[in-house]
Amino acid sequence: AYRVEAEARHRQAAMAATYVAGYRVAL
């Protein structure tokens, strides 16, 4: 919810990319 609300639509893929990077490192 925070990710969706924090930035405009055209930055959502970049938000997702950094999120996925952190997520995979955590795994």
PDB file of all heavy atoms in Angstrom:
ATOM      1  N   ALA A   1       0.834  -1.205   0.000  1.00  0.00           N
ATOM      2  CA  ALA A   1       0.000   0.000   0.000  1.00  0.00           C
ATOM      3  C   ALA A   1       0.869   1.256   0.000  1.00  0.00           C
ATOM      4  O   ALA A   1       0.595   2.215  -0.730  1.00  0.00           O
ATOM      5  CB  ALA A   1      -0.932  -0.004   1.212  1.00  0.00           C
ATOM      6  N   TYR A   2       1.924   1.251   0.812  1.00  0.00           N
ATOM      7  CA  TYR A   2       2.832   2.404   0.853  1.00  0.00           C
ATOM      8  C   TYR A   2       3.469   2.633  -0.518  1.00  0.00           C
ATOM      9  O   TYR A   2       3.531   3.763  -1.011  1.00  0.00           O
ATOM     10  CB  TYR A   2       3.918   2.184   1.903  1.00  0.00           C
ATOM     11  CG  TYR A   2       5.036   3.200   1.802  1.00  0.00           C
ATOM     12  CD1 TYR A   2       4.931   4.443   2.402  1.00  0.00           C
ATOM     13  CD2 TYR A   2       6.189   2.920   1.070  1.00  0.00           C
ATOM     14  CE1 TYR A   2       5.943   5.392   2.289  1.00  0.00           C
ATOM     15  CE2 TYR A   2       7.198   3.853   0.939  1.00  0.00           C
ATOM     16  CZ  TYR A   2       7.070   5.085   1.564  1.00  0.00           C
ATOM     17  OH  TYR A   2       8.069   6.015   1.415  1.00  0.00           O
ATOM     18  N   ARG A   3       3.955   1.544  -1.147  1.00  0.00           N
ATOM     19  CA  ARG A   3       4.635   1.669  -2.433  1.00  0.00           C
ATOM     20  C   ARG A   3       3.709   2.258  -3.494  1.00  0.00           C
ATOM     21  O   ARG A   3       4.100   3.125  -4.281  1.00  0.00           O
ATOM     22  CB  ARG A   3       5.134   0.298  -2.897  1.00  0.00           C
ATOM     23  CG  ARG A   3       6.014   0.348  -4.142  1.00  0.00           C
ATOM     24  CD  ARG A   3       6.282  -1.013  -4.733  1.00  0.00           C
ATOM     25  NE  ARG A   3       5.076  -1.619  -5.252  1.00  0.00           N
ATOM     26  CZ  ARG A   3       4.493  -2.679  -4.717  1.00  0.00           C
ATOM     27  NH1 ARG A   3       5.007  -3.255  -3.651  1.00  0.00           N
ATOM     28  NH2 ARG A   3       3.372  -3.159  -5.237  1.00  0.00           N
ATOM     29  N   VAL A   4       2.479   1.796  -3.511  1.00  0.00           N
ATOM     30  CA  VAL A   4       1.513   2.278  -4.499  1.00  0.00           C
ATOM     31  C   VAL A   4       1.215   3.757  -4.293  1.00  0.00           C
ATOM     32  O   VAL A   4       1.096   4.529  -5.244  1.00  0.00           O
ATOM     33  CB  VAL A   4       0.213   1.449  -4.412  1.00  0.00           C
ATOM     34  CG1 VAL A   4      -0.870   2.065  -5.290  1.00  0.00           C
ATOM     35  CG2 VAL A   4       0.471   0.008  -4.843  1.00  0.00           C
ATOM     36  N   GLU A   5       1.093   4.170  -3.045  1.00  0.00           N
ATOM     37  CA  GLU A   5       0.685   5.535  -2.723  1.00  0.00           C
ATOM     38  C   GLU A   5       1.834   6.535  -2.736  1.00  0.00           C
ATOM     39  O   GLU A   5       1.613   7.737  -2.908  1.00  0.00           O
ATOM     40  CB  GLU A   5       0.016   5.565  -1.343  1.00  0.00           C
ATOM     41  CG  GLU A   5      -1.280   4.771  -1.287  1.00  0.00           C
ATOM     42  CD  GLU A   5      -1.824   4.610   0.119  1.00  0.00           C
ATOM     43  OE1 GLU A   5      -1.129   5.023   1.086  1.00  0.00           O
ATOM     44  OE2 GLU A   5      -2.928   4.072   0.262  1.00  0.00           O
ATOM     45  N   ALA A   6       3.062   6.051  -2.571  1.00  0.00           N
ATOM     46  CA  ALA A   6       4.181   6.969  -2.345  1.00  0.00           C
ATOM     47  C   ALA A   6       4.651   7.678  -3.603  1.00  0.00           C
ATOM     48  O   ALA A   6       5.189   8.789  -3.518  1.00  0.00           O
ATOM     49  CB  ALA A   6       5.357   6.214  -1.710  1.00  0.00           C
ATOM     50  N   GLU A   7       4.485   7.060  -4.763  1.00  0.00           N
ATOM     51  CA  GLU A   7       4.999   7.661  -5.993  1.00  0.00           C
ATOM     52  C   GLU A   7       4.000   7.550  -7.138  1.00  0.00           C
ATOM     53  O   GLU A   7       3.115   6.702  -7.130  1.00  0.00           O
ATOM     54  CB  GLU A   7       6.329   6.994  -6.409  1.00  0.00           C
ATOM     55  CG  GLU A   7       7.533   7.512  -5.639  1.00  0.00           C
ATOM     56  CD  GLU A   7       7.825   8.983  -5.898  1.00  0.00           C
ATOM     57  OE1 GLU A   7       7.355   9.511  -6.921  1.00  0.00           O
ATOM     58  OE2 GLU A   7       8.516   9.594  -5.073  1.00  0.00           O
ATOM     59  N   ALA A   8       4.192   8.409  -8.146  1.00  0.00           N
ATOM     60  CA  ALA A   8       3.324   8.424  -9.322  1.00  0.00           C
ATOM     61  C   ALA A   8       3.529   7.159 -10.155  1.00  0.00           C
ATOM     62  O   ALA A   8       4.495   6.421  -9.977  1.00  0.00           O
ATOM     63  CB  ALA A   8       3.612   9.664 -10.173  1.00  0.00           C
ATOM     64  N   ARG A   9       2.595   6.940 -11.081  1.00  0.00           N
ATOM     65  CA  ARG A   9       2.552   5.696 -11.839  1.00  0.00           C
ATOM     66  C   ARG A   9       3.842   5.405 -12.597  1.00  0.00           C
ATOM     67  O   ARG A   9       4.324   4.269 -12.623  1.00  0.00           O
ATOM     68  CB  ARG A   9       1.372   5.750 -12.817  1.00  0.00           C
ATOM     69  CG  ARG A   9       1.267   4.535 -13.711  1.00  0.00           C
ATOM     70  CD  ARG A   9      -0.073   4.473 -14.401  1.00  0.00           C
ATOM     71  NE  ARG A   9      -0.455   5.756 -14.973  1.00  0.00           N
ATOM     72  CZ  ARG A   9      -1.719   6.083 -15.221  1.00  0.00           C
ATOM     73  NH1 ARG A   9      -2.684   5.256 -14.913  1.00  0.00           N
ATOM     74  NH2 ARG A   9      -2.003   7.253 -15.760  1.00  0.00           N
ATOM     75  N   HIS A  10       4.453   6.402 -13.225  1.00  0.00           N
ATOM     76  CA  HIS A  10       5.616   6.126 -14.074  1.00  0.00           C
ATOM     77  C   HIS A  10       6.855   5.752 -13.258  1.00  0.00           C
ATOM     78  O   HIS A  10       7.857   5.312 -13.817  1.00  0.00           O
ATOM     79  CB  HIS A  10       5.912   7.319 -14.992  1.00  0.00           C
ATOM     80  CG  HIS A  10       6.385   8.552 -14.279  1.00  0.00           C
ATOM     81  ND1 HIS A  10       5.521   9.399 -13.616  1.00  0.00           N
ATOM     82  CD2 HIS A  10       7.628   9.075 -14.129  1.00  0.00           C
ATOM     83  CE1 HIS A  10       6.225  10.401 -13.091  1.00  0.00           C
ATOM     84  NE2 HIS A  10       7.489  10.225 -13.392  1.00  0.00           N
ATOM     85  N   ARG A  11       6.805   5.918 -11.924  1.00  0.00           N
ATOM     86  CA  ARG A  11       7.923   5.484 -11.072  1.00  0.00           C
ATOM     87  C   ARG A  11       7.642   4.154 -10.385  1.00  0.00           C
ATOM     88  O   ARG A  11       8.496   3.650  -9.645  1.00  0.00           O
ATOM     89  CB  ARG A  11       8.232   6.558 -10.015  1.00  0.00           C
ATOM     90  CG  ARG A  11       8.759   7.871 -10.592  1.00  0.00           C
ATOM     91  CD  ARG A  11       9.374   8.730  -9.497  1.00  0.00           C
ATOM     92  NE  ARG A  11       9.739  10.035 -10.014  1.00  0.00           N
ATOM     93  CZ  ARG A  11       9.010  11.147  -9.854  1.00  0.00           C
ATOM     94  NH1 ARG A  11       7.876  11.088  -9.165  1.00  0.00           N
ATOM     95  NH2 ARG A  11       9.400  12.298 -10.355  1.00  0.00           N
ATOM     96  N   GLN A  12       6.458   3.590 -10.609  1.00  0.00           N
ATOM     97  CA  GLN A  12       6.105   2.372  -9.899  1.00  0.00           C
ATOM     98  C   GLN A  12       6.990   1.190 -10.286  1.00  0.00           C
ATOM     99  O   GLN A  12       7.309   0.344  -9.446  1.00  0.00           O
ATOM    100  CB  GLN A  12       4.628   2.032 -10.147  1.00  0.00           C
ATOM    101  CG  GLN A  12       3.653   2.898  -9.368  1.00  0.00           C
ATOM    102  CD  GLN A  12       3.812   2.744  -7.867  1.00  0.00           C
ATOM    103  OE1 GLN A  12       3.963   1.635  -7.358  1.00  0.00           O
ATOM    104  NE2 GLN A  12       3.774   3.855  -7.147  1.00  0.00           N
ATOM    105  N   ALA A  13       7.410   1.093 -11.538  1.00  0.00           N
ATOM    106  CA  ALA A  13       8.281  -0.018 -11.945  1.00  0.00           C
ATOM    107  C   ALA A  13       9.644   0.090 -11.268  1.00  0.00           C
ATOM    108  O   ALA A  13      10.243  -0.918 -10.883  1.00  0.00           O
ATOM    109  CB  ALA A  13       8.449  -0.049 -13.455  1.00  0.00           C
ATOM    110  N   ALA A  14      10.154   1.321 -11.116  1.00  0.00           N
ATOM    111  CA  ALA A  14      11.425   1.510 -10.414  1.00  0.00           C
ATOM    112  C   ALA A  14      11.264   1.173  -8.931  1.00  0.00           C
ATOM    113  O   ALA A  14      12.162   0.565  -8.325  1.00  0.00           O
ATOM    114  CB  ALA A  14      11.905   2.950 -10.577  1.00  0.00           C
ATOM    115  N   MET A  15      10.136   1.565  -8.340  1.00  0.00           N
ATOM    116  CA  MET A  15       9.851   1.190  -6.947  1.00  0.00           C
ATOM    117  C   MET A  15       9.823  -0.325  -6.828  1.00  0.00           C
ATOM    118  O   MET A  15      10.368  -0.901  -5.870  1.00  0.00           O
ATOM    119  CB  MET A  15       8.501   1.777  -6.520  1.00  0.00           C
ATOM    120  CG  MET A  15       8.424   3.297  -6.486  1.00  0.00           C
ATOM    121  SD  MET A  15       9.129   4.027  -4.998  1.00  0.00           S
ATOM    122  CE  MET A  15       7.760   3.816  -3.845  1.00  0.00           C
ATOM    123  N   ALA A  16       9.194  -0.993  -7.803  1.00  0.00           N
ATOM    124  CA  ALA A  16       9.125  -2.450  -7.790  1.00  0.00           C
ATOM    125  C   ALA A  16      10.504  -3.074  -7.959  1.00  0.00           C
ATOM    126  O   ALA A  16      10.829  -4.080  -7.315  1.00  0.00           O
ATOM    127  CB  ALA A  16       8.188  -2.937  -8.896  1.00  0.00           C
ATOM    128  N   ALA A  17      11.337  -2.478  -8.822  1.00  0.00           N
ATOM    129  CA  ALA A  17      12.671  -3.039  -9.086  1.00  0.00           C
ATOM    130  C   ALA A  17      13.543  -3.023  -7.831  1.00  0.00           C
ATOM    131  O   ALA A  17      14.207  -4.016  -7.516  1.00  0.00           O
ATOM    132  CB  ALA A  17      13.352  -2.251 -10.208  1.00  0.00           C
ATOM    133  N   THR A  18      13.560  -1.887  -7.121  1.00  0.00           N
ATOM    134  CA  THR A  18      14.376  -1.827  -5.906  1.00  0.00           C
ATOM    135  C   THR A  18      13.790  -2.722  -4.814  1.00  0.00           C
ATOM    136  O   THR A  18      14.519  -3.350  -4.044  1.00  0.00           O
ATOM    137  CB  THR A  18      14.507  -0.378  -5.393  1.00  0.00           C
ATOM    138  OG1 THR A  18      13.202   0.220  -5.324  1.00  0.00           O
ATOM    139  CG2 THR A  18      15.378   0.444  -6.324  1.00  0.00           C
ATOM    140  N   TYR A  19      12.459  -2.808  -4.764  1.00  0.00           N
ATOM    141  CA  TYR A  19      11.795  -3.696  -3.811  1.00  0.00           C
ATOM    142  C   TYR A  19      12.191  -5.151  -4.073  1.00  0.00           C
ATOM    143  O   TYR A  19      12.554  -5.891  -3.146  1.00  0.00           O
ATOM    144  CB  TYR A  19      10.280  -3.530  -3.927  1.00  0.00           C
ATOM    145  CG  TYR A  19       9.470  -4.487  -3.093  1.00  0.00           C
ATOM    146  CD1 TYR A  19       9.214  -4.229  -1.755  1.00  0.00           C
ATOM    147  CD2 TYR A  19       8.940  -5.656  -3.654  1.00  0.00           C
ATOM    148  CE1 TYR A  19       8.466  -5.112  -0.985  1.00  0.00           C
ATOM    149  CE2 TYR A  19       8.193  -6.531  -2.904  1.00  0.00           C
ATOM    150  CZ  TYR A  19       7.950  -6.263  -1.570  1.00  0.00           C
ATOM    151  OH  TYR A  19       7.210  -7.143  -0.819  1.00  0.00           O
ATOM    152  N   VAL A  20      12.133  -5.565  -5.347  1.00  0.00           N
ATOM    153  CA  VAL A  20      12.493  -6.939  -5.718  1.00  0.00           C
ATOM    154  C   VAL A  20      13.958  -7.221  -5.391  1.00  0.00           C
ATOM    155  O   VAL A  20      14.302  -8.304  -4.907  1.00  0.00           O
ATOM    156  CB  VAL A  20      12.209  -7.189  -7.214  1.00  0.00           C
ATOM    157  CG1 VAL A  20      12.832  -8.494  -7.685  1.00  0.00           C
ATOM    158  CG2 VAL A  20      10.707  -7.195  -7.475  1.00  0.00           C
ATOM    159  N   ALA A  21      14.840  -6.237  -5.633  1.00  0.00           N
ATOM    160  CA  ALA A  21      16.259  -6.429  -5.328  1.00  0.00           C
ATOM    161  C   ALA A  21      16.460  -6.686  -3.836  1.00  0.00           C
ATOM    162  O   ALA A  21      17.154  -7.644  -3.443  1.00  0.00           O
ATOM    163  CB  ALA A  21      17.051  -5.192  -5.760  1.00  0.00           C
ATOM    164  N   GLY A  22      15.860  -5.855  -3.003  1.00  0.00           N
ATOM    165  CA  GLY A  22      15.972  -6.062  -1.561  1.00  0.00           C
ATOM    166  C   GLY A  22      15.359  -7.375  -1.125  1.00  0.00           C
ATOM    167  O   GLY A  22      15.904  -8.084  -0.261  1.00  0.00           O
ATOM    168  N   TYR A  23      14.229  -7.726  -1.721  1.00  0.00           N
ATOM    169  CA  TYR A  23      13.509  -8.954  -1.386  1.00  0.00           C
ATOM    170  C   TYR A  23      14.355 -10.184  -1.699  1.00  0.00           C
ATOM    171  O   TYR A  23      14.479 -11.106  -0.871  1.00  0.00           O
ATOM    172  CB  TYR A  23      12.210  -8.987  -2.191  1.00  0.00           C
ATOM    173  CG  TYR A  23      11.161  -9.952  -1.697  1.00  0.00           C
ATOM    174  CD1 TYR A  23      10.158  -9.523  -0.831  1.00  0.00           C
ATOM    175  CD2 TYR A  23      11.139 -11.284  -2.117  1.00  0.00           C
ATOM    176  CE1 TYR A  23       9.174 -10.396  -0.388  1.00  0.00           C
ATOM    177  CE2 TYR A  23      10.176 -12.157  -1.679  1.00  0.00           C
ATOM    178  CZ  TYR A  23       9.181 -11.705  -0.816  1.00  0.00           C
ATOM    179  OH  TYR A  23       8.218 -12.588  -0.381  1.00  0.00           O
ATOM    180  N   ARG A  24      14.974 -10.194  -2.893  1.00  0.00           N
ATOM    181  CA  ARG A  24      15.774 -11.360  -3.303  1.00  0.00           C
ATOM    182  C   ARG A  24      17.035 -11.497  -2.443  1.00  0.00           C
ATOM    183  O   ARG A  24      17.452 -12.610  -2.116  1.00  0.00           O
ATOM    184  CB  ARG A  24      16.149 -11.240  -4.782  1.00  0.00           C
ATOM    185  CG  ARG A  24      14.966 -11.336  -5.743  1.00  0.00           C
ATOM    186  CD  ARG A  24      14.266 -12.670  -5.656  1.00  0.00           C
ATOM    187  NE  ARG A  24      13.145 -12.774  -6.583  1.00  0.00           N
ATOM    188  CZ  ARG A  24      13.196 -13.393  -7.745  1.00  0.00           C
ATOM    189  NH1 ARG A  24      14.320 -13.951  -8.158  1.00  0.00           N
ATOM    190  NH2 ARG A  24      12.122 -13.462  -8.509  1.00  0.00           N
ATOM    191  N   VAL A  25      17.649 -10.380  -2.094  1.00  0.00           N
ATOM    192  CA  VAL A  25      18.818 -10.430  -1.205  1.00  0.00           C
ATOM    193  C   VAL A  25      18.411 -11.015   0.150  1.00  0.00           C
ATOM    194  O   VAL A  25      19.122 -11.842   0.727  1.00  0.00           O
ATOM    195  CB  VAL A  25      19.431  -9.029  -1.027  1.00  0.00           C
ATOM    196  CG1 VAL A  25      20.475  -9.032   0.086  1.00  0.00           C
ATOM    197  CG2 VAL A  25      20.061  -8.557  -2.336  1.00  0.00           C
ATOM    198  N   ALA A  26      17.239 -10.597   0.646  1.00  0.00           N
ATOM    199  CA  ALA A  26      16.757 -11.107   1.931  1.00  0.00           C
ATOM    200  C   ALA A  26      16.516 -12.614   1.879  1.00  0.00           C
ATOM    201  O   ALA A  26      16.787 -13.329   2.860  1.00  0.00           O
ATOM    202  CB  ALA A  26      15.480 -10.380   2.332  1.00  0.00           C
ATOM    203  N   LEU A  27      16.001 -13.108   0.755  1.00  0.00           N
ATOM    204  CA  LEU A  27      15.784 -14.552   0.623  1.00  0.00           C
ATOM    205  C   LEU A  27      17.102 -15.319   0.724  1.00  0.00           C
ATOM    206  O   LEU A  27      17.164 -16.388   1.341  1.00  0.00           O
ATOM    207  CB  LEU A  27      15.093 -14.867  -0.712  1.00  0.00           C
ATOM    208  CG  LEU A  27      13.653 -14.368  -0.885  1.00  0.00           C
ATOM    209  CD1 LEU A  27      13.111 -14.794  -2.249  1.00  0.00           C
ATOM    210  CD2 LEU A  27      12.750 -14.890   0.224  1.00  0.00           C
TER     211      LEU A  27
END
